[in-house]
Amino acid sequence: MERQSARTEAIRTIQRELTAFARRARGRAAELHPNLTLVASSILDLVIERDGCQAADLADYFLLDKSTVSRQLAALEREGYLVKEVDPANRRNHLLRATAAGKRVAREAERRRAAAFTERFSTWDDADVRRLAEYLVRYNEPSP
């Protein structure tokens, strides 16, 4: 019974700490670009990584409601960071692509994030950083 209690307590700690991490990430996103939410920034990053995609792909990837994705896409378009193009493979669909301005703001945000993470882990040894990276990859793998 003691083992289960320790495991339960560890899971509660993980939940609390991941929630705190998510809240800090949202706050940090506002610092990086006051007009973009963390979701909008994440969408822009994925559109750039994939060199274009459809809105449905974004909703599936981030497990978001289509209306949420639509609002974030509208914000990215208003800012001039994203454009819709007709999909040559299926003219009824649109591909989303980052503009030069969108790529520029994403690069700057990535540079700042990398600097913040580098600073945050500056007192950790390499083995601990590697272990955390492995655990996060494992945690984010799809469930069986």
N, C-alpha and C. Protein backbone atom coordinates (compact mmCIF):
# COMPACT_ATOMS: atom_id res chain seq x y z
N MET A 1 0.83 -1.20 0.00
CA MET A 1 0.00 0.00 0.00
C MET A 1 0.87 1.26 0.00
N GLU A 2 2.00 1.21 0.72
CA GLU A 2 2.88 2.37 0.78
C GLU A 2 3.44 2.72 -0.60
N ARG A 3 3.75 1.68 -1.41
CA ARG A 3 4.27 1.90 -2.76
C ARG A 3 3.23 2.66 -3.60
N GLN A 4 1.97 2.24 -3.52
CA GLN A 4 0.91 2.89 -4.28
C GLN A 4 0.75 4.34 -3.83
N SER A 5 0.85 4.59 -2.56
CA SER A 5 0.72 5.94 -2.02
C SER A 5 1.85 6.84 -2.52
N ALA A 6 3.06 6.30 -2.55
CA ALA A 6 4.21 7.07 -3.05
C ALA A 6 4.04 7.36 -4.54
N ARG A 7 3.55 6.37 -5.30
CA ARG A 7 3.30 6.56 -6.73
C ARG A 7 2.22 7.61 -6.95
N THR A 8 1.13 7.52 -6.18
CA THR A 8 0.03 8.49 -6.29
C THR A 8 0.53 9.89 -6.00
N GLU A 9 1.34 10.02 -4.97
CA GLU A 9 1.89 11.33 -4.61
C GLU A 9 2.83 11.85 -5.70
N ALA A 10 3.63 10.96 -6.29
CA ALA A 10 4.52 11.37 -7.38
C ALA A 10 3.71 11.84 -8.59
N ILE A 11 2.64 11.13 -8.90
CA ILE A 11 1.79 11.54 -10.04
C ILE A 11 1.15 12.90 -9.76
N ARG A 12 0.72 13.12 -8.54
CA ARG A 12 0.16 14.45 -8.18
C ARG A 12 1.22 15.54 -8.35
N THR A 13 2.44 15.25 -7.94
CA THR A 13 3.53 16.22 -8.09
C THR A 13 3.79 16.51 -9.57
N ILE A 14 3.83 15.47 -10.38
CA ILE A 14 4.03 15.65 -11.83
C ILE A 14 2.92 16.51 -12.41
N GLN A 15 1.69 16.21 -12.05
CA GLN A 15 0.56 16.99 -12.56
C GLN A 15 0.69 18.46 -12.16
N ARG A 16 1.00 18.70 -10.90
CA ARG A 16 1.14 20.08 -10.41
C ARG A 16 2.26 20.81 -11.14
N GLU A 17 3.39 20.14 -11.31
CA GLU A 17 4.54 20.79 -11.95
C GLU A 17 4.32 21.00 -13.45
N LEU A 18 3.67 20.06 -14.14
CA LEU A 18 3.38 20.26 -15.57
C LEU A 18 2.35 21.38 -15.76
N THR A 19 1.40 21.49 -14.83
CA THR A 19 0.44 22.58 -14.89
C THR A 19 1.14 23.92 -14.69
N ALA A 20 2.06 23.99 -13.73
CA ALA A 20 2.82 25.23 -13.51
C ALA A 20 3.66 25.55 -14.75
N PHE A 21 4.25 24.53 -15.35
CA PHE A 21 5.04 24.73 -16.58
C PHE A 21 4.15 25.31 -17.69
N ALA A 22 2.97 24.75 -17.87
CA ALA A 22 2.05 25.23 -18.91
C ALA A 22 1.65 26.68 -18.66
N ARG A 23 1.39 27.02 -17.44
CA ARG A 23 1.01 28.41 -17.12
C ARG A 23 2.16 29.37 -17.39
N ARG A 24 3.37 28.97 -17.03
CA ARG A 24 4.53 29.82 -17.32
C ARG A 24 4.74 29.96 -18.82
N ALA A 25 4.52 28.86 -19.55
CA ALA A 25 4.68 28.90 -21.00
C ALA A 25 3.69 29.87 -21.62
N ARG A 26 2.45 29.88 -21.16
CA ARG A 26 1.46 30.83 -21.68
C ARG A 26 1.89 32.27 -21.38
N GLY A 27 2.36 32.50 -20.17
CA GLY A 27 2.82 33.84 -19.81
C GLY A 27 4.03 34.25 -20.63
N ARG A 28 4.92 33.33 -20.85
CA ARG A 28 6.14 33.59 -21.64
C ARG A 28 5.78 33.90 -23.09
N ALA A 29 4.77 33.21 -23.62
CA ALA A 29 4.34 33.46 -25.00
C ALA A 29 3.87 34.90 -25.15
N ALA A 30 3.18 35.41 -24.15
CA ALA A 30 2.71 36.80 -24.20
C ALA A 30 3.89 37.77 -24.18
N GLU A 31 4.95 37.42 -23.48
CA GLU A 31 6.14 38.27 -23.47
C GLU A 31 6.81 38.28 -24.85
N LEU A 32 6.84 37.11 -25.50
CA LEU A 32 7.51 37.00 -26.79
C LEU A 32 6.75 37.75 -27.88
N HIS A 33 5.43 37.70 -27.84
CA HIS A 33 4.62 38.43 -28.81
C HIS A 33 3.27 38.71 -28.19
N PRO A 34 3.01 39.95 -27.78
CA PRO A 34 1.79 40.26 -27.03
C PRO A 34 0.50 40.00 -27.80
N ASN A 35 0.54 39.95 -29.12
CA ASN A 35 -0.68 39.73 -29.90
C ASN A 35 -0.93 38.27 -30.23
N LEU A 36 -0.04 37.37 -29.83
CA LEU A 36 -0.22 35.95 -30.14
C LEU A 36 -0.31 35.12 -28.87
N THR A 37 -1.29 34.24 -28.84
CA THR A 37 -1.41 33.30 -27.73
C THR A 37 -0.39 32.18 -27.91
N LEU A 38 -0.24 31.37 -26.87
CA LEU A 38 0.63 30.20 -26.97
C LEU A 38 0.12 29.27 -28.07
N VAL A 39 -1.21 29.12 -28.17
CA VAL A 39 -1.79 28.26 -29.21
C VAL A 39 -1.46 28.81 -30.59
N ALA A 40 -1.64 30.11 -30.79
CA ALA A 40 -1.35 30.70 -32.10
C ALA A 40 0.12 30.55 -32.45
N SER A 41 0.99 30.77 -31.50
CA SER A 41 2.43 30.60 -31.75
C SER A 41 2.75 29.16 -32.11
N SER A 42 2.14 28.22 -31.40
CA SER A 42 2.37 26.80 -31.67
C SER A 42 1.86 26.42 -33.06
N ILE A 43 0.72 26.97 -33.44
CA ILE A 43 0.17 26.71 -34.77
C ILE A 43 1.12 27.25 -35.83
N LEU A 44 1.58 28.46 -35.65
CA LEU A 44 2.51 29.06 -36.61
C LEU A 44 3.77 28.20 -36.73
N ASP A 45 4.30 27.75 -35.61
CA ASP A 45 5.49 26.90 -35.64
C ASP A 45 5.25 25.62 -36.44
N LEU A 46 4.10 24.99 -36.24
CA LEU A 46 3.81 23.73 -36.94
C LEU A 46 3.60 23.97 -38.44
N VAL A 47 2.93 25.06 -38.79
CA VAL A 47 2.73 25.39 -40.21
C VAL A 47 4.09 25.57 -40.88
N ILE A 48 5.01 26.24 -40.20
CA ILE A 48 6.36 26.44 -40.75
C ILE A 48 7.09 25.11 -40.85
N GLU A 49 7.03 24.31 -39.78
CA GLU A 49 7.72 23.02 -39.77
C GLU A 49 7.25 22.12 -40.91
N ARG A 50 5.96 22.15 -41.19
CA ARG A 50 5.39 21.29 -42.23
C ARG A 50 5.39 21.95 -43.60
N ASP A 51 5.84 23.18 -43.67
CA ASP A 51 5.81 23.96 -44.91
C ASP A 51 4.40 24.00 -45.49
N GLY A 52 3.44 24.23 -44.61
CA GLY A 52 2.04 24.34 -45.01
C GLY A 52 1.24 23.13 -44.58
N CYS A 53 -0.02 23.38 -44.22
CA CYS A 53 -0.92 22.29 -43.85
C CYS A 53 -2.35 22.82 -43.83
N GLN A 54 -3.28 21.94 -43.60
CA GLN A 54 -4.69 22.32 -43.53
C GLN A 54 -5.09 22.55 -42.08
N ALA A 55 -6.16 23.33 -41.89
CA ALA A 55 -6.65 23.63 -40.55
C ALA A 55 -7.03 22.35 -39.81
N ALA A 56 -7.63 21.39 -40.50
CA ALA A 56 -8.02 20.13 -39.86
C ALA A 56 -6.81 19.39 -39.32
N ASP A 57 -5.68 19.48 -40.03
CA ASP A 57 -4.45 18.84 -39.55
C ASP A 57 -4.00 19.46 -38.23
N LEU A 58 -4.15 20.76 -38.12
CA LEU A 58 -3.76 21.46 -36.88
C LEU A 58 -4.66 21.05 -35.72
N ALA A 59 -5.96 20.99 -35.98
CA ALA A 59 -6.91 20.59 -34.93
C ALA A 59 -6.59 19.17 -34.45
N ASP A 60 -6.30 18.28 -35.38
CA ASP A 60 -5.96 16.90 -35.02
C ASP A 60 -4.66 16.84 -34.22
N TYR A 61 -3.65 17.54 -34.69
CA TYR A 61 -2.33 17.49 -34.06
C TYR A 61 -2.38 18.02 -32.62
N PHE A 62 -3.06 19.16 -32.42
CA PHE A 62 -3.09 19.79 -31.10
C PHE A 62 -4.28 19.36 -30.26
N LEU A 63 -5.12 18.47 -30.81
CA LEU A 63 -6.33 18.02 -30.11
C LEU A 63 -7.21 19.21 -29.71
N LEU A 64 -7.44 20.10 -30.68
CA LEU A 64 -8.22 21.30 -30.45
C LEU A 64 -9.52 21.26 -31.25
N ASP A 65 -10.51 21.95 -30.74
CA ASP A 65 -11.77 22.13 -31.45
C ASP A 65 -11.51 22.97 -32.69
N LYS A 66 -12.21 22.67 -33.78
CA LYS A 66 -12.01 23.41 -35.02
C LYS A 66 -12.29 24.91 -34.87
N SER A 67 -13.25 25.26 -34.00
CA SER A 67 -13.54 26.69 -33.80
C SER A 67 -12.37 27.40 -33.12
N THR A 68 -11.70 26.71 -32.22
CA THR A 68 -10.51 27.29 -31.57
C THR A 68 -9.41 27.52 -32.60
N VAL A 69 -9.19 26.54 -33.45
CA VAL A 69 -8.18 26.67 -34.51
C VAL A 69 -8.55 27.83 -35.43
N SER A 70 -9.82 27.93 -35.79
CA SER A 70 -10.26 29.01 -36.69
C SER A 70 -9.97 30.38 -36.09
N ARG A 71 -10.24 30.55 -34.80
CA ARG A 71 -9.97 31.84 -34.15
C ARG A 71 -8.48 32.16 -34.16
N GLN A 72 -7.66 31.16 -33.88
CA GLN A 72 -6.22 31.39 -33.87
C GLN A 72 -5.69 31.68 -35.28
N LEU A 73 -6.23 30.99 -36.27
CA LEU A 73 -5.81 31.24 -37.65
C LEU A 73 -6.20 32.66 -38.08
N ALA A 74 -7.38 33.08 -37.68
CA ALA A 74 -7.83 34.44 -38.01
C ALA A 74 -6.88 35.47 -37.41
N ALA A 75 -6.44 35.24 -36.18
CA ALA A 75 -5.49 36.16 -35.53
C ALA A 75 -4.17 36.18 -36.29
N LEU A 76 -3.69 35.01 -36.69
CA LEU A 76 -2.43 34.94 -37.43
C LEU A 76 -2.55 35.62 -38.79
N GLU A 77 -3.67 35.48 -39.43
CA GLU A 77 -3.89 36.15 -40.71
C GLU A 77 -3.94 37.68 -40.52
N ARG A 78 -4.66 38.13 -39.49
CA ARG A 78 -4.76 39.58 -39.21
C ARG A 78 -3.38 40.20 -38.98
N GLU A 79 -2.52 39.46 -38.30
CA GLU A 79 -1.17 39.95 -38.03
C GLU A 79 -0.28 39.89 -39.27
N GLY A 80 -0.75 39.21 -40.32
CA GLY A 80 0.04 39.09 -41.54
C GLY A 80 1.08 37.97 -41.47
N TYR A 81 0.85 36.99 -40.58
CA TYR A 81 1.81 35.91 -40.38
C TYR A 81 1.45 34.64 -41.14
N LEU A 82 0.24 34.59 -41.66
CA LEU A 82 -0.26 33.39 -42.29
C LEU A 82 -1.17 33.76 -43.45
N VAL A 83 -1.11 32.96 -44.49
CA VAL A 83 -2.03 33.14 -45.63
C VAL A 83 -2.65 31.79 -45.98
N LYS A 84 -3.82 31.85 -46.59
CA LYS A 84 -4.48 30.64 -47.09
C LYS A 84 -4.27 30.59 -48.59
N GLU A 85 -3.93 29.41 -49.08
CA GLU A 85 -3.79 29.18 -50.52
C GLU A 85 -4.68 28.01 -50.90
N VAL A 86 -5.16 28.03 -52.11
CA VAL A 86 -5.94 26.90 -52.60
C VAL A 86 -5.01 25.70 -52.72
N ASP A 87 -5.47 24.56 -52.22
CA ASP A 87 -4.69 23.32 -52.27
C ASP A 87 -4.73 22.78 -53.70
N PRO A 88 -3.59 22.71 -54.37
CA PRO A 88 -3.60 22.23 -55.76
C PRO A 88 -4.06 20.77 -55.87
N ALA A 89 -3.92 19.98 -54.80
CA ALA A 89 -4.35 18.59 -54.84
C ALA A 89 -5.86 18.44 -54.71
N ASN A 90 -6.50 19.42 -54.07
CA ASN A 90 -7.96 19.41 -53.91
C ASN A 90 -8.41 20.86 -53.78
N ARG A 91 -8.90 21.42 -54.82
CA ARG A 91 -9.20 22.85 -54.89
C ARG A 91 -10.28 23.28 -53.89
N ARG A 92 -10.98 22.34 -53.27
CA ARG A 92 -11.98 22.70 -52.25
C ARG A 92 -11.32 23.00 -50.91
N ASN A 93 -10.07 22.60 -50.76
CA ASN A 93 -9.34 22.79 -49.49
C ASN A 93 -8.37 23.96 -49.60
N HIS A 94 -7.98 24.43 -48.43
CA HIS A 94 -6.97 25.49 -48.35
C HIS A 94 -5.74 24.98 -47.61
N LEU A 95 -4.59 25.39 -48.08
CA LEU A 95 -3.34 25.15 -47.36
C LEU A 95 -2.98 26.44 -46.64
N LEU A 96 -2.50 26.30 -45.44
CA LEU A 96 -2.04 27.45 -44.67
C LEU A 96 -0.54 27.52 -44.79
N ARG A 97 -0.05 28.71 -45.08
CA ARG A 97 1.39 28.91 -45.22
C ARG A 97 1.81 30.15 -44.43
N ALA A 98 2.99 30.09 -43.89
CA ALA A 98 3.54 31.24 -43.16
C ALA A 98 4.07 32.25 -44.16
N THR A 99 3.87 33.51 -43.85
CA THR A 99 4.44 34.59 -44.65
C THR A 99 5.88 34.84 -44.20
N ALA A 100 6.57 35.69 -44.92
CA ALA A 100 7.93 36.06 -44.51
C ALA A 100 7.90 36.68 -43.11
N ALA A 101 6.90 37.51 -42.84
CA ALA A 101 6.78 38.13 -41.51
C ALA A 101 6.52 37.07 -40.45
N GLY A 102 5.69 36.07 -40.77
CA GLY A 102 5.41 34.99 -39.84
C GLY A 102 6.65 34.18 -39.53
N LYS A 103 7.44 33.90 -40.56
CA LYS A 103 8.68 33.15 -40.35
C LYS A 103 9.66 33.96 -39.50
N ARG A 104 9.70 35.26 -39.73
CA ARG A 104 10.61 36.13 -38.98
C ARG A 104 10.22 36.17 -37.50
N VAL A 105 8.93 36.35 -37.20
CA VAL A 105 8.50 36.42 -35.80
C VAL A 105 8.67 35.06 -35.12
N ALA A 106 8.48 33.97 -35.85
CA ALA A 106 8.68 32.63 -35.27
C ALA A 106 10.15 32.39 -34.97
N ARG A 107 11.04 32.82 -35.86
CA ARG A 107 12.49 32.66 -35.62
C ARG A 107 12.92 33.43 -34.38
N GLU A 108 12.42 34.65 -34.25
CA GLU A 108 12.78 35.47 -33.09
C GLU A 108 12.25 34.85 -31.80
N ALA A 109 11.02 34.36 -31.84
CA ALA A 109 10.45 33.71 -30.66
C ALA A 109 11.25 32.46 -30.30
N GLU A 110 11.64 31.68 -31.30
CA GLU A 110 12.44 30.47 -31.06
C GLU A 110 13.80 30.84 -30.46
N ARG A 111 14.41 31.90 -30.96
CA ARG A 111 15.69 32.34 -30.42
C ARG A 111 15.55 32.69 -28.94
N ARG A 112 14.49 33.41 -28.59
CA ARG A 112 14.28 33.80 -27.21
C ARG A 112 13.95 32.60 -26.32
N ARG A 113 13.13 31.68 -26.84
CA ARG A 113 12.81 30.46 -26.07
C ARG A 113 14.07 29.65 -25.81
N ALA A 114 14.89 29.50 -26.84
CA ALA A 114 16.14 28.72 -26.68
C ALA A 114 17.03 29.35 -25.63
N ALA A 115 17.14 30.67 -25.65
CA ALA A 115 17.97 31.36 -24.65
C ALA A 115 17.40 31.15 -23.25
N ALA A 116 16.07 31.21 -23.12
CA ALA A 116 15.45 31.02 -21.80
C ALA A 116 15.67 29.60 -21.29
N PHE A 117 15.53 28.60 -22.17
CA PHE A 117 15.76 27.22 -21.75
C PHE A 117 17.22 26.98 -21.41
N THR A 118 18.11 27.53 -22.21
CA THR A 118 19.54 27.38 -21.93
C THR A 118 19.87 27.94 -20.56
N GLU A 119 19.33 29.11 -20.26
CA GLU A 119 19.55 29.72 -18.95
C GLU A 119 18.94 28.87 -17.83
N ARG A 120 17.74 28.39 -18.05
CA ARG A 120 17.03 27.60 -17.03
C ARG A 120 17.81 26.34 -16.66
N PHE A 121 18.46 25.72 -17.66
CA PHE A 121 19.19 24.48 -17.42
C PHE A 121 20.69 24.69 -17.19
N SER A 122 21.11 25.91 -17.02
CA SER A 122 22.54 26.20 -16.91
C SER A 122 23.19 25.52 -15.70
N THR A 123 22.44 25.24 -14.66
CA THR A 123 23.02 24.60 -13.47
C THR A 123 22.80 23.09 -13.45
N TRP A 124 22.13 22.55 -14.47
CA TRP A 124 21.90 21.11 -14.54
C TRP A 124 23.07 20.46 -15.26
N ASP A 125 23.42 19.25 -14.85
CA ASP A 125 24.47 18.56 -15.60
C ASP A 125 23.86 17.93 -16.85
N ASP A 126 24.73 17.58 -17.79
CA ASP A 126 24.29 17.06 -19.09
C ASP A 126 23.43 15.81 -18.96
N ALA A 127 23.77 14.94 -18.05
CA ALA A 127 23.02 13.69 -17.88
C ALA A 127 21.58 13.98 -17.44
N ASP A 128 21.39 14.93 -16.53
CA ASP A 128 20.05 15.28 -16.08
C ASP A 128 19.23 15.89 -17.21
N VAL A 129 19.85 16.75 -18.01
CA VAL A 129 19.15 17.36 -19.15
C VAL A 129 18.74 16.27 -20.13
N ARG A 130 19.65 15.35 -20.43
CA ARG A 130 19.34 14.25 -21.34
C ARG A 130 18.19 13.38 -20.81
N ARG A 131 18.24 13.09 -19.51
CA ARG A 131 17.19 12.26 -18.90
C ARG A 131 15.83 12.95 -18.99
N LEU A 132 15.79 14.23 -18.67
CA LEU A 132 14.52 14.95 -18.76
C LEU A 132 14.01 14.94 -20.20
N ALA A 133 14.89 15.16 -21.16
CA ALA A 133 14.48 15.13 -22.56
C ALA A 133 13.89 13.76 -22.91
N GLU A 134 14.54 12.70 -22.50
CA GLU A 134 14.03 11.35 -22.78
C GLU A 134 12.68 11.12 -22.12
N TYR A 135 12.52 11.56 -20.88
CA TYR A 135 11.25 11.37 -20.18
C TYR A 135 10.12 12.17 -20.85
N LEU A 136 10.42 13.38 -21.28
CA LEU A 136 9.38 14.18 -21.93
C LEU A 136 8.96 13.57 -23.27
N VAL A 137 9.92 13.08 -24.01
CA VAL A 137 9.58 12.39 -25.28
C VAL A 137 8.70 11.19 -24.98
N ARG A 138 9.08 10.42 -23.99
CA ARG A 138 8.30 9.24 -23.61
C ARG A 138 6.91 9.63 -23.15
N TYR A 139 6.80 10.67 -22.35
CA TYR A 139 5.50 11.13 -21.83
C TYR A 139 4.59 11.58 -22.98
N ASN A 140 5.15 12.22 -23.98
CA ASN A 140 4.35 12.77 -25.07
C ASN A 140 4.07 11.78 -26.19
N GLU A 141 4.59 10.57 -26.09
CA GLU A 141 4.27 9.55 -27.10
C GLU A 141 2.79 9.20 -27.01
N PRO A 142 2.19 8.87 -28.15
CA PRO A 142 0.77 8.47 -28.10
C PRO A 142 0.57 7.26 -27.20
N SER A 143 -0.55 7.23 -26.51
CA SER A 143 -0.89 6.09 -25.64
C SER A 143 -1.24 4.89 -26.49
N PRO A 144 -0.92 3.69 -25.98
CA PRO A 144 -1.26 2.47 -26.75
C PRO A 144 -2.75 2.23 -26.84
